[in-house]
Amino acid sequence: MKKIVIFASGSGTNAQRITEFFENRDDAQVVQILSNKNTAKVLDRANKLKISAFSFNRTAFYDTTQVLDLIKQTQPDLIVLAGFLWLFPQHIIEAYSGKIINIHPALLPAYGGKGMYGDHVHKAVVEAGEKESGITIHEVTAEYDKGVILFQAKTQLEEGETAESLAAKIHELEYEHFPQVIAEILEKQ
């Protein structure tokens, strides 16, 4: 059984979808959910899903090996960033090289980088008059949104599209594709 650890900063809808996708499978399962916010709704979702969950602060993440040690205890085959907003530290990337992925709510390399997350991305895409947007699943590196692109899915922007309506379309793409791409990555390991 392959093990997945999820990092999330917010409400955790993707974390929940991924956990539910794998809960009745015998090839992989989510074993832990970690968050950089002790008030994040993802921790409540983890509790309801009966998944081990912890929160941590900047010091534990960047200046010590506490978070790395916590990850090592579960021996994950894949670390999944699902709405996690902090840049991953080099010591964790090195320990799990090629085994950390992220989802970004735009078609990278456009609309990536520090500060480009959630509604900030959708607003920028709409204001630029883009005809399409989508999701990108990529490997995590020490730079925001610069890792090897593993998968992209697109959606068209309609006349009168708003950041809110685009966000809904992007969420649908995330829910549809992210769990399946994770399964495919694990099958190749």
N, C-alpha and C. Protein backbone atom coordinates (compact mmCIF):
# COMPACT_ATOMS: atom_id res chain seq x y z
N MET A 1 0.85 -1.19 0.00
CA MET A 1 0.00 0.00 0.00
C MET A 1 0.89 1.24 0.00
N LYS A 2 0.73 2.08 -1.01
CA LYS A 2 1.51 3.31 -1.08
C LYS A 2 0.85 4.37 -0.21
N LYS A 3 1.71 5.25 0.33
CA LYS A 3 1.24 6.25 1.29
C LYS A 3 1.39 7.66 0.73
N ILE A 4 0.36 8.46 0.99
CA ILE A 4 0.32 9.85 0.53
C ILE A 4 0.23 10.76 1.75
N VAL A 5 1.06 11.79 1.78
CA VAL A 5 0.96 12.86 2.77
C VAL A 5 0.54 14.11 2.03
N ILE A 6 -0.46 14.82 2.55
CA ILE A 6 -0.97 16.03 1.93
C ILE A 6 -0.63 17.24 2.79
N PHE A 7 -0.17 18.31 2.14
CA PHE A 7 0.02 19.61 2.78
C PHE A 7 -1.04 20.56 2.23
N ALA A 8 -1.72 21.28 3.12
CA ALA A 8 -2.74 22.24 2.70
C ALA A 8 -2.77 23.41 3.67
N SER A 9 -3.17 24.58 3.18
CA SER A 9 -3.22 25.78 4.01
C SER A 9 -4.64 26.27 4.28
N GLY A 10 -5.62 25.78 3.54
CA GLY A 10 -6.95 26.38 3.62
C GLY A 10 -8.06 25.42 3.95
N SER A 11 -9.12 25.50 3.14
CA SER A 11 -10.34 24.74 3.44
C SER A 11 -10.19 23.25 3.22
N GLY A 12 -9.33 22.85 2.31
CA GLY A 12 -9.05 21.43 2.15
C GLY A 12 -10.00 20.66 1.27
N THR A 13 -10.67 21.32 0.33
CA THR A 13 -11.59 20.57 -0.54
C THR A 13 -10.83 19.58 -1.42
N ASN A 14 -9.66 19.97 -1.92
CA ASN A 14 -8.86 19.04 -2.70
C ASN A 14 -8.33 17.90 -1.83
N ALA A 15 -7.89 18.22 -0.63
CA ALA A 15 -7.41 17.17 0.29
C ALA A 15 -8.51 16.16 0.57
N GLN A 16 -9.73 16.65 0.77
CA GLN A 16 -10.86 15.74 1.02
C GLN A 16 -11.14 14.88 -0.21
N ARG A 17 -11.14 15.50 -1.37
CA ARG A 17 -11.42 14.76 -2.61
C ARG A 17 -10.37 13.67 -2.83
N ILE A 18 -9.11 14.00 -2.61
CA ILE A 18 -8.03 13.02 -2.78
C ILE A 18 -8.18 11.88 -1.77
N THR A 19 -8.45 12.23 -0.53
CA THR A 19 -8.61 11.21 0.52
C THR A 19 -9.76 10.28 0.18
N GLU A 20 -10.88 10.84 -0.23
CA GLU A 20 -12.06 10.01 -0.57
C GLU A 20 -11.80 9.15 -1.81
N PHE A 21 -11.04 9.67 -2.77
CA PHE A 21 -10.72 8.91 -3.98
C PHE A 21 -9.96 7.63 -3.62
N PHE A 22 -9.07 7.73 -2.65
CA PHE A 22 -8.22 6.58 -2.31
C PHE A 22 -8.75 5.74 -1.15
N GLU A 23 -9.83 6.16 -0.47
CA GLU A 23 -10.20 5.46 0.76
C GLU A 23 -10.66 4.02 0.56
N ASN A 24 -11.20 3.65 -0.56
CA ASN A 24 -11.63 2.27 -0.78
C ASN A 24 -10.76 1.53 -1.79
N ARG A 25 -9.56 2.02 -1.99
CA ARG A 25 -8.62 1.38 -2.91
C ARG A 25 -7.58 0.61 -2.11
N ASP A 26 -6.99 -0.37 -2.73
CA ASP A 26 -5.97 -1.14 -2.02
C ASP A 26 -4.56 -0.85 -2.50
N ASP A 27 -4.40 0.15 -3.39
CA ASP A 27 -3.08 0.47 -3.91
C ASP A 27 -2.43 1.66 -3.20
N ALA A 28 -3.22 2.58 -2.65
CA ALA A 28 -2.68 3.77 -2.00
C ALA A 28 -3.72 4.36 -1.06
N GLN A 29 -3.22 5.15 -0.10
CA GLN A 29 -4.13 5.86 0.80
C GLN A 29 -3.44 7.10 1.36
N VAL A 30 -4.26 8.07 1.74
CA VAL A 30 -3.76 9.26 2.43
C VAL A 30 -3.56 8.87 3.88
N VAL A 31 -2.33 9.10 4.38
CA VAL A 31 -2.02 8.70 5.76
C VAL A 31 -1.86 9.89 6.69
N GLN A 32 -1.69 11.09 6.12
CA GLN A 32 -1.48 12.25 6.98
C GLN A 32 -1.78 13.53 6.21
N ILE A 33 -2.33 14.52 6.93
CA ILE A 33 -2.57 15.84 6.37
C ILE A 33 -1.89 16.85 7.30
N LEU A 34 -1.07 17.71 6.72
CA LEU A 34 -0.32 18.70 7.47
C LEU A 34 -0.68 20.10 6.99
N SER A 35 -0.73 21.04 7.93
CA SER A 35 -1.09 22.42 7.58
C SER A 35 -0.21 23.42 8.32
N ASN A 36 0.06 24.52 7.67
CA ASN A 36 0.81 25.62 8.28
C ASN A 36 -0.12 26.59 9.03
N LYS A 37 -1.40 26.27 9.11
CA LYS A 37 -2.35 27.12 9.83
C LYS A 37 -3.15 26.25 10.79
N ASN A 38 -3.05 26.54 12.08
CA ASN A 38 -3.77 25.70 13.06
C ASN A 38 -5.28 25.94 13.05
N THR A 39 -5.73 26.95 12.30
CA THR A 39 -7.17 27.21 12.17
C THR A 39 -7.72 26.78 10.81
N ALA A 40 -6.91 26.16 10.00
CA ALA A 40 -7.33 25.77 8.65
C ALA A 40 -8.44 24.73 8.70
N LYS A 41 -9.45 24.91 7.86
CA LYS A 41 -10.57 23.96 7.81
C LYS A 41 -10.12 22.56 7.39
N VAL A 42 -8.98 22.47 6.69
CA VAL A 42 -8.49 21.16 6.27
C VAL A 42 -8.25 20.25 7.47
N LEU A 43 -7.89 20.81 8.61
CA LEU A 43 -7.66 19.99 9.81
C LEU A 43 -8.97 19.40 10.31
N ASP A 44 -10.06 20.17 10.23
CA ASP A 44 -11.38 19.63 10.59
C ASP A 44 -11.80 18.53 9.62
N ARG A 45 -11.55 18.74 8.34
CA ARG A 45 -11.87 17.71 7.33
C ARG A 45 -11.08 16.43 7.61
N ALA A 46 -9.79 16.59 7.93
CA ALA A 46 -8.96 15.42 8.23
C ALA A 46 -9.52 14.65 9.42
N ASN A 47 -9.94 15.37 10.44
CA ASN A 47 -10.52 14.74 11.62
C ASN A 47 -11.77 13.95 11.26
N LYS A 48 -12.66 14.54 10.47
CA LYS A 48 -13.89 13.85 10.05
C LYS A 48 -13.59 12.64 9.17
N LEU A 49 -12.49 12.72 8.41
CA LEU A 49 -12.10 11.60 7.54
C LEU A 49 -11.24 10.57 8.28
N LYS A 50 -10.98 10.84 9.56
CA LYS A 50 -10.17 9.96 10.40
C LYS A 50 -8.74 9.80 9.86
N ILE A 51 -8.16 10.93 9.44
CA ILE A 51 -6.80 10.98 8.95
C ILE A 51 -5.95 11.76 9.96
N SER A 52 -4.79 11.23 10.28
CA SER A 52 -3.85 11.91 11.17
C SER A 52 -3.55 13.31 10.62
N ALA A 53 -3.62 14.32 11.48
CA ALA A 53 -3.42 15.70 11.02
C ALA A 53 -2.67 16.50 12.06
N PHE A 54 -1.79 17.37 11.57
CA PHE A 54 -0.99 18.23 12.44
C PHE A 54 -0.84 19.60 11.80
N SER A 55 -0.64 20.61 12.63
CA SER A 55 -0.28 21.93 12.13
C SER A 55 1.11 22.26 12.65
N PHE A 56 1.76 23.19 11.99
CA PHE A 56 3.13 23.56 12.35
C PHE A 56 3.34 25.04 12.07
N ASN A 57 4.40 25.58 12.64
CA ASN A 57 4.71 26.99 12.41
C ASN A 57 5.96 27.13 11.53
N ARG A 58 6.32 28.36 11.21
CA ARG A 58 7.45 28.62 10.31
C ARG A 58 8.76 28.05 10.85
N THR A 59 8.98 28.18 12.14
CA THR A 59 10.22 27.68 12.72
C THR A 59 10.34 26.17 12.53
N ALA A 60 9.27 25.44 12.83
CA ALA A 60 9.29 23.98 12.69
C ALA A 60 9.51 23.57 11.23
N PHE A 61 9.00 24.36 10.31
CA PHE A 61 9.08 24.03 8.89
C PHE A 61 10.43 24.39 8.27
N TYR A 62 10.90 25.60 8.55
CA TYR A 62 12.10 26.10 7.88
C TYR A 62 13.40 25.97 8.68
N ASP A 63 13.32 26.13 9.99
CA ASP A 63 14.54 26.23 10.80
C ASP A 63 14.92 24.97 11.56
N THR A 64 14.05 23.97 11.55
CA THR A 64 14.34 22.71 12.25
C THR A 64 13.98 21.56 11.31
N THR A 65 14.19 20.37 11.79
CA THR A 65 13.78 19.18 11.02
C THR A 65 12.48 18.59 11.58
N GLN A 66 11.75 19.33 12.40
CA GLN A 66 10.53 18.79 13.03
C GLN A 66 9.52 18.30 12.00
N VAL A 67 9.23 19.09 10.98
CA VAL A 67 8.24 18.68 9.98
C VAL A 67 8.79 17.53 9.14
N LEU A 68 10.05 17.61 8.78
CA LEU A 68 10.68 16.51 8.04
C LEU A 68 10.62 15.22 8.86
N ASP A 69 10.91 15.31 10.15
CA ASP A 69 10.86 14.12 11.01
C ASP A 69 9.45 13.55 11.08
N LEU A 70 8.46 14.42 11.12
CA LEU A 70 7.05 13.99 11.14
C LEU A 70 6.70 13.26 9.84
N ILE A 71 7.15 13.80 8.72
CA ILE A 71 6.90 13.16 7.42
C ILE A 71 7.59 11.79 7.39
N LYS A 72 8.84 11.73 7.81
CA LYS A 72 9.60 10.49 7.77
C LYS A 72 8.92 9.36 8.56
N GLN A 73 8.22 9.72 9.62
CA GLN A 73 7.53 8.70 10.42
C GLN A 73 6.49 7.93 9.61
N THR A 74 5.90 8.60 8.63
CA THR A 74 4.86 7.94 7.82
C THR A 74 5.44 7.23 6.60
N GLN A 75 6.69 7.54 6.25
CA GLN A 75 7.36 6.97 5.07
C GLN A 75 6.50 7.07 3.81
N PRO A 76 6.15 8.30 3.41
CA PRO A 76 5.27 8.46 2.25
C PRO A 76 5.96 8.14 0.93
N ASP A 77 5.16 7.66 -0.01
CA ASP A 77 5.63 7.45 -1.37
C ASP A 77 5.47 8.72 -2.20
N LEU A 78 4.54 9.59 -1.75
CA LEU A 78 4.29 10.84 -2.46
C LEU A 78 3.81 11.90 -1.48
N ILE A 79 4.33 13.11 -1.64
CA ILE A 79 3.86 14.27 -0.88
C ILE A 79 3.12 15.15 -1.85
N VAL A 80 1.89 15.51 -1.50
CA VAL A 80 1.00 16.26 -2.38
C VAL A 80 0.68 17.62 -1.74
N LEU A 81 0.97 18.69 -2.46
CA LEU A 81 0.60 20.03 -2.02
C LEU A 81 -0.74 20.35 -2.66
N ALA A 82 -1.74 20.56 -1.82
CA ALA A 82 -3.11 20.82 -2.30
C ALA A 82 -3.59 22.13 -1.68
N GLY A 83 -3.19 23.23 -2.29
CA GLY A 83 -3.53 24.53 -1.72
C GLY A 83 -2.61 24.89 -0.57
N PHE A 84 -1.34 24.51 -0.69
CA PHE A 84 -0.35 24.85 0.34
C PHE A 84 0.42 26.06 -0.15
N LEU A 85 0.49 27.11 0.67
CA LEU A 85 0.96 28.41 0.18
C LEU A 85 2.41 28.76 0.48
N TRP A 86 3.09 27.99 1.32
CA TRP A 86 4.48 28.30 1.62
C TRP A 86 5.43 27.61 0.65
N LEU A 87 6.55 28.25 0.38
CA LEU A 87 7.61 27.66 -0.42
C LEU A 87 8.20 26.49 0.37
N PHE A 88 8.36 25.36 -0.30
CA PHE A 88 8.88 24.17 0.38
C PHE A 88 10.37 24.34 0.65
N PRO A 89 10.83 23.96 1.86
CA PRO A 89 12.25 24.11 2.20
C PRO A 89 13.12 23.07 1.50
N GLN A 90 14.34 23.46 1.23
CA GLN A 90 15.28 22.61 0.50
C GLN A 90 15.52 21.27 1.20
N HIS A 91 15.58 21.26 2.52
CA HIS A 91 15.90 20.00 3.21
C HIS A 91 14.80 18.94 3.03
N ILE A 92 13.55 19.36 2.87
CA ILE A 92 12.48 18.39 2.62
C ILE A 92 12.49 17.99 1.15
N ILE A 93 12.73 18.94 0.26
CA ILE A 93 12.81 18.63 -1.17
C ILE A 93 13.92 17.62 -1.43
N GLU A 94 15.07 17.80 -0.80
CA GLU A 94 16.18 16.87 -0.99
C GLU A 94 15.85 15.48 -0.45
N ALA A 95 15.17 15.43 0.68
CA ALA A 95 14.83 14.13 1.29
C ALA A 95 13.82 13.36 0.44
N TYR A 96 12.96 14.08 -0.30
CA TYR A 96 11.92 13.45 -1.10
C TYR A 96 11.98 13.90 -2.56
N SER A 97 13.19 13.96 -3.09
CA SER A 97 13.41 14.42 -4.45
C SER A 97 12.56 13.63 -5.45
N GLY A 98 11.81 14.37 -6.29
CA GLY A 98 10.96 13.74 -7.29
C GLY A 98 9.69 13.13 -6.75
N LYS A 99 9.43 13.32 -5.46
CA LYS A 99 8.25 12.72 -4.84
C LYS A 99 7.34 13.76 -4.18
N ILE A 100 7.47 15.01 -4.62
CA ILE A 100 6.62 16.09 -4.11
C ILE A 100 5.99 16.77 -5.31
N ILE A 101 4.65 16.84 -5.30
CA ILE A 101 3.93 17.49 -6.40
C ILE A 101 3.00 18.56 -5.86
N ASN A 102 2.67 19.49 -6.74
CA ASN A 102 1.78 20.60 -6.40
C ASN A 102 0.77 20.78 -7.52
N ILE A 103 -0.36 21.35 -7.18
CA ILE A 103 -1.34 21.75 -8.19
C ILE A 103 -1.41 23.27 -8.19
N HIS A 104 -1.42 23.85 -9.39
CA HIS A 104 -1.49 25.30 -9.54
C HIS A 104 -2.73 25.63 -10.38
N PRO A 105 -3.49 26.68 -9.99
CA PRO A 105 -4.75 26.98 -10.68
C PRO A 105 -4.61 27.83 -11.93
N ALA A 106 -3.61 27.54 -12.74
CA ALA A 106 -3.43 28.23 -14.02
C ALA A 106 -2.53 27.36 -14.89
N LEU A 107 -2.38 27.76 -16.12
CA LEU A 107 -1.54 27.02 -17.06
C LEU A 107 -0.12 27.56 -17.00
N LEU A 108 0.69 26.96 -16.15
CA LEU A 108 2.09 27.38 -16.04
C LEU A 108 2.79 27.18 -17.37
N PRO A 109 3.76 27.99 -17.70
CA PRO A 109 4.47 28.89 -16.79
C PRO A 109 3.80 30.25 -16.55
N ALA A 110 2.70 30.53 -17.23
CA ALA A 110 2.01 31.80 -17.00
C ALA A 110 1.31 31.81 -15.64
N TYR A 111 1.26 32.96 -15.04
CA TYR A 111 0.51 33.19 -13.80
C TYR A 111 1.00 32.33 -12.64
N GLY A 112 2.31 32.14 -12.57
CA GLY A 112 2.90 31.41 -11.45
C GLY A 112 3.80 32.34 -10.65
N GLY A 113 4.37 31.80 -9.59
CA GLY A 113 5.32 32.54 -8.77
C GLY A 113 4.72 33.00 -7.45
N LYS A 114 5.56 33.64 -6.67
CA LYS A 114 5.18 34.10 -5.33
C LYS A 114 3.95 35.01 -5.42
N GLY A 115 2.99 34.75 -4.57
CA GLY A 115 1.78 35.57 -4.52
C GLY A 115 0.71 35.19 -5.51
N MET A 116 1.03 34.28 -6.42
CA MET A 116 0.05 33.87 -7.43
C MET A 116 -0.63 32.57 -6.98
N TYR A 117 -1.71 32.75 -6.27
CA TYR A 117 -2.49 31.61 -5.79
C TYR A 117 -3.96 32.02 -5.75
N GLY A 118 -4.83 31.01 -5.81
CA GLY A 118 -6.27 31.22 -5.66
C GLY A 118 -6.82 32.36 -6.49
N ASP A 119 -7.58 33.22 -5.83
CA ASP A 119 -8.27 34.30 -6.52
C ASP A 119 -7.32 35.30 -7.18
N HIS A 120 -6.09 35.42 -6.65
CA HIS A 120 -5.10 36.32 -7.28
C HIS A 120 -4.83 35.87 -8.72
N VAL A 121 -4.72 34.54 -8.90
CA VAL A 121 -4.47 34.00 -10.23
C VAL A 121 -5.67 34.24 -11.13
N HIS A 122 -6.86 33.88 -10.66
CA HIS A 122 -8.06 34.00 -11.49
C HIS A 122 -8.32 35.45 -11.90
N LYS A 123 -8.11 36.36 -10.97
CA LYS A 123 -8.30 37.78 -11.28
C LYS A 123 -7.31 38.23 -12.36
N ALA A 124 -6.05 37.82 -12.22
CA ALA A 124 -5.04 38.20 -13.21
C ALA A 124 -5.35 37.62 -14.59
N VAL A 125 -5.82 36.39 -14.64
CA VAL A 125 -6.16 35.74 -15.91
C VAL A 125 -7.31 36.48 -16.59
N VAL A 126 -8.36 36.80 -15.83
CA VAL A 126 -9.52 37.49 -16.39
C VAL A 126 -9.13 38.90 -16.84
N GLU A 127 -8.39 39.62 -16.01
CA GLU A 127 -8.00 41.00 -16.35
C GLU A 127 -7.10 41.06 -17.59
N ALA A 128 -6.33 39.98 -17.83
CA ALA A 128 -5.45 39.94 -19.00
C ALA A 128 -6.19 39.60 -20.28
N GLY A 129 -7.48 39.24 -20.16
CA GLY A 129 -8.26 38.92 -21.33
C GLY A 129 -7.92 37.57 -21.96
N GLU A 130 -7.40 36.66 -21.14
CA GLU A 130 -7.05 35.33 -21.65
C GLU A 130 -8.29 34.61 -22.17
N LYS A 131 -8.08 33.74 -23.14
CA LYS A 131 -9.18 32.94 -23.71
C LYS A 131 -9.32 31.60 -23.01
N GLU A 132 -8.25 31.15 -22.32
CA GLU A 132 -8.31 29.88 -21.60
C GLU A 132 -7.45 29.94 -20.35
N SER A 133 -7.77 29.06 -19.43
CA SER A 133 -6.98 28.86 -18.22
C SER A 133 -7.04 27.38 -17.91
N GLY A 134 -6.64 27.02 -16.72
CA GLY A 134 -6.69 25.60 -16.39
C GLY A 134 -5.90 25.29 -15.14
N ILE A 135 -5.47 24.04 -15.05
CA ILE A 135 -4.68 23.59 -13.91
C ILE A 135 -3.37 23.01 -14.40
N THR A 136 -2.37 23.09 -13.55
CA THR A 136 -1.07 22.48 -13.81
C THR A 136 -0.66 21.69 -12.59
N ILE A 137 -0.32 20.44 -12.80
CA ILE A 137 0.26 19.61 -11.74
C ILE A 137 1.74 19.48 -12.08
N HIS A 138 2.59 19.83 -11.10
CA HIS A 138 4.03 19.87 -11.37
C HIS A 138 4.83 19.39 -10.18
N GLU A 139 6.08 19.02 -10.45
CA GLU A 139 6.98 18.67 -9.37
C GLU A 139 7.34 19.93 -8.59
N VAL A 140 7.63 19.77 -7.32
CA VAL A 140 7.99 20.89 -6.46
C VAL A 140 9.50 21.04 -6.43
N THR A 141 9.93 22.30 -6.59
CA THR A 141 11.34 22.65 -6.47
C THR A 141 11.46 23.77 -5.44
N ALA A 142 12.67 24.29 -5.28
CA ALA A 142 12.90 25.36 -4.31
C ALA A 142 12.43 26.72 -4.82
N GLU A 143 11.83 26.77 -6.01
CA GLU A 143 11.25 28.00 -6.54
C GLU A 143 9.76 27.78 -6.78
N TYR A 144 8.96 28.80 -6.51
CA TYR A 144 7.52 28.69 -6.74
C TYR A 144 7.21 28.33 -8.20
N ASP A 145 6.45 27.25 -8.37
CA ASP A 145 5.85 26.89 -9.67
C ASP A 145 6.85 26.69 -10.82
N LYS A 146 8.06 26.26 -10.52
CA LYS A 146 9.09 26.10 -11.55
C LYS A 146 9.38 24.63 -11.88
N GLY A 147 8.81 23.68 -11.15
CA GLY A 147 9.12 22.28 -11.36
C GLY A 147 8.58 21.73 -12.67
N VAL A 148 9.07 20.55 -13.02
CA VAL A 148 8.66 19.88 -14.25
C VAL A 148 7.13 19.73 -14.28
N ILE A 149 6.52 20.12 -15.39
CA ILE A 149 5.07 20.00 -15.55
C ILE A 149 4.73 18.55 -15.86
N LEU A 150 3.83 17.97 -15.05
CA LEU A 150 3.41 16.59 -15.21
C LEU A 150 2.08 16.45 -15.92
N PHE A 151 1.20 17.46 -15.78
CA PHE A 151 -0.14 17.37 -16.34
C PHE A 151 -0.75 18.76 -16.41
N GLN A 152 -1.53 19.01 -17.46
CA GLN A 152 -2.33 20.23 -17.55
C GLN A 152 -3.71 19.89 -18.12
N ALA A 153 -4.71 20.60 -17.65
CA ALA A 153 -6.07 20.51 -18.21
C ALA A 153 -6.56 21.94 -18.39
N LYS A 154 -7.33 22.17 -19.45
CA LYS A 154 -7.75 23.52 -19.82
C LYS A 154 -9.26 23.70 -19.75
N THR A 155 -9.63 24.97 -19.58
CA THR A 155 -11.03 25.38 -19.70
C THR A 155 -11.06 26.71 -20.42
N GLN A 156 -12.13 26.96 -21.14
CA GLN A 156 -12.28 28.19 -21.89
C GLN A 156 -12.89 29.28 -21.00
N LEU A 157 -12.47 30.51 -21.22
CA LEU A 157 -13.10 31.64 -20.56
C LEU A 157 -14.21 32.15 -21.47
N GLU A 158 -15.36 32.38 -20.89
CA GLU A 158 -16.52 32.86 -21.63
C GLU A 158 -16.58 34.39 -21.56
N GLU A 159 -17.34 34.97 -22.44
CA GLU A 159 -17.58 36.42 -22.38
C GLU A 159 -18.21 36.74 -21.02
N GLY A 160 -17.70 37.75 -20.37
CA GLY A 160 -18.24 38.14 -19.07
C GLY A 160 -17.73 37.30 -17.91
N GLU A 161 -16.73 36.46 -18.17
CA GLU A 161 -16.15 35.61 -17.10
C GLU A 161 -15.64 36.50 -15.96
N THR A 162 -15.86 36.05 -14.75
CA THR A 162 -15.35 36.74 -13.57
C THR A 162 -14.34 35.84 -12.88
N ALA A 163 -13.58 36.41 -11.96
CA ALA A 163 -12.64 35.60 -11.18
C ALA A 163 -13.39 34.49 -10.44
N GLU A 164 -14.58 34.80 -9.95
CA GLU A 164 -15.37 33.82 -9.20
C GLU A 164 -15.87 32.68 -10.09
N SER A 165 -16.36 33.03 -11.27
CA SER A 165 -16.86 31.98 -12.16
C SER A 165 -15.71 31.14 -12.70
N LEU A 166 -14.57 31.76 -12.95
CA LEU A 166 -13.39 31.01 -13.38
C LEU A 166 -12.91 30.09 -12.27
N ALA A 167 -12.92 30.57 -11.04
CA ALA A 167 -12.51 29.73 -9.90
C ALA A 167 -13.35 28.46 -9.83
N ALA A 168 -14.64 28.58 -10.06
CA ALA A 168 -15.52 27.40 -10.03
C ALA A 168 -15.13 26.40 -11.11
N LYS A 169 -14.81 26.90 -12.30
CA LYS A 169 -14.38 26.00 -13.38
C LYS A 169 -13.06 25.31 -13.04
N ILE A 170 -12.15 26.07 -12.44
CA ILE A 170 -10.84 25.51 -12.08
C ILE A 170 -11.00 24.45 -11.00
N HIS A 171 -11.87 24.71 -10.02
CA HIS A 171 -12.11 23.70 -8.97
C HIS A 171 -12.63 22.40 -9.58
N GLU A 172 -13.50 22.51 -10.54
CA GLU A 172 -14.02 21.29 -11.19
C GLU A 172 -12.90 20.50 -11.87
N LEU A 173 -12.00 21.21 -12.53
CA LEU A 173 -10.85 20.54 -13.15
C LEU A 173 -9.97 19.87 -12.09
N GLU A 174 -9.75 20.57 -10.99
CA GLU A 174 -8.94 20.01 -9.90
C GLU A 174 -9.57 18.73 -9.37
N TYR A 175 -10.86 18.79 -9.06
CA TYR A 175 -11.55 17.63 -8.48
C TYR A 175 -11.55 16.45 -9.45
N GLU A 176 -11.71 16.74 -10.74
CA GLU A 176 -11.77 15.69 -11.74
C GLU A 176 -10.40 15.03 -11.97
N HIS A 177 -9.35 15.84 -12.05
CA HIS A 177 -8.06 15.32 -12.51
C HIS A 177 -7.02 15.03 -11.42
N PHE A 178 -6.99 15.82 -10.35
CA PHE A 178 -5.90 15.69 -9.38
C PHE A 178 -5.79 14.29 -8.78
N PRO A 179 -6.87 13.71 -8.26
CA PRO A 179 -6.74 12.35 -7.69
C PRO A 179 -6.27 11.33 -8.72
N GLN A 180 -6.78 11.43 -9.94
CA GLN A 180 -6.41 10.47 -10.97
C GLN A 180 -4.93 10.59 -11.36
N VAL A 181 -4.43 11.81 -11.46
CA VAL A 181 -3.02 12.03 -11.78
C VAL A 181 -2.14 11.48 -10.65
N ILE A 182 -2.55 11.69 -9.41
CA ILE A 182 -1.81 11.12 -8.27
C ILE A 182 -1.75 9.60 -8.39
N ALA A 183 -2.87 8.97 -8.71
CA ALA A 183 -2.90 7.51 -8.88
C ALA A 183 -1.95 7.07 -9.97
N GLU A 184 -1.93 7.79 -11.08
CA GLU A 184 -1.04 7.45 -12.20
C GLU A 184 0.43 7.61 -11.82
N ILE A 185 0.76 8.65 -11.06
CA ILE A 185 2.13 8.85 -10.61
C ILE A 185 2.55 7.70 -9.70
N LEU A 186 1.68 7.31 -8.79
CA LEU A 186 2.01 6.22 -7.87
C LEU A 186 2.16 4.89 -8.60
N GLU A 187 1.38 4.67 -9.63
CA GLU A 187 1.49 3.43 -10.41
C GLU A 187 2.84 3.31 -11.09
N LYS A 188 3.44 4.45 -11.46
CA LYS A 188 4.72 4.45 -12.16
C LYS A 188 5.92 4.30 -11.22
N GLN A 189 5.68 4.44 -9.92
CA GLN A 189 6.80 4.35 -8.95
C GLN A 189 7.24 2.92 -8.78
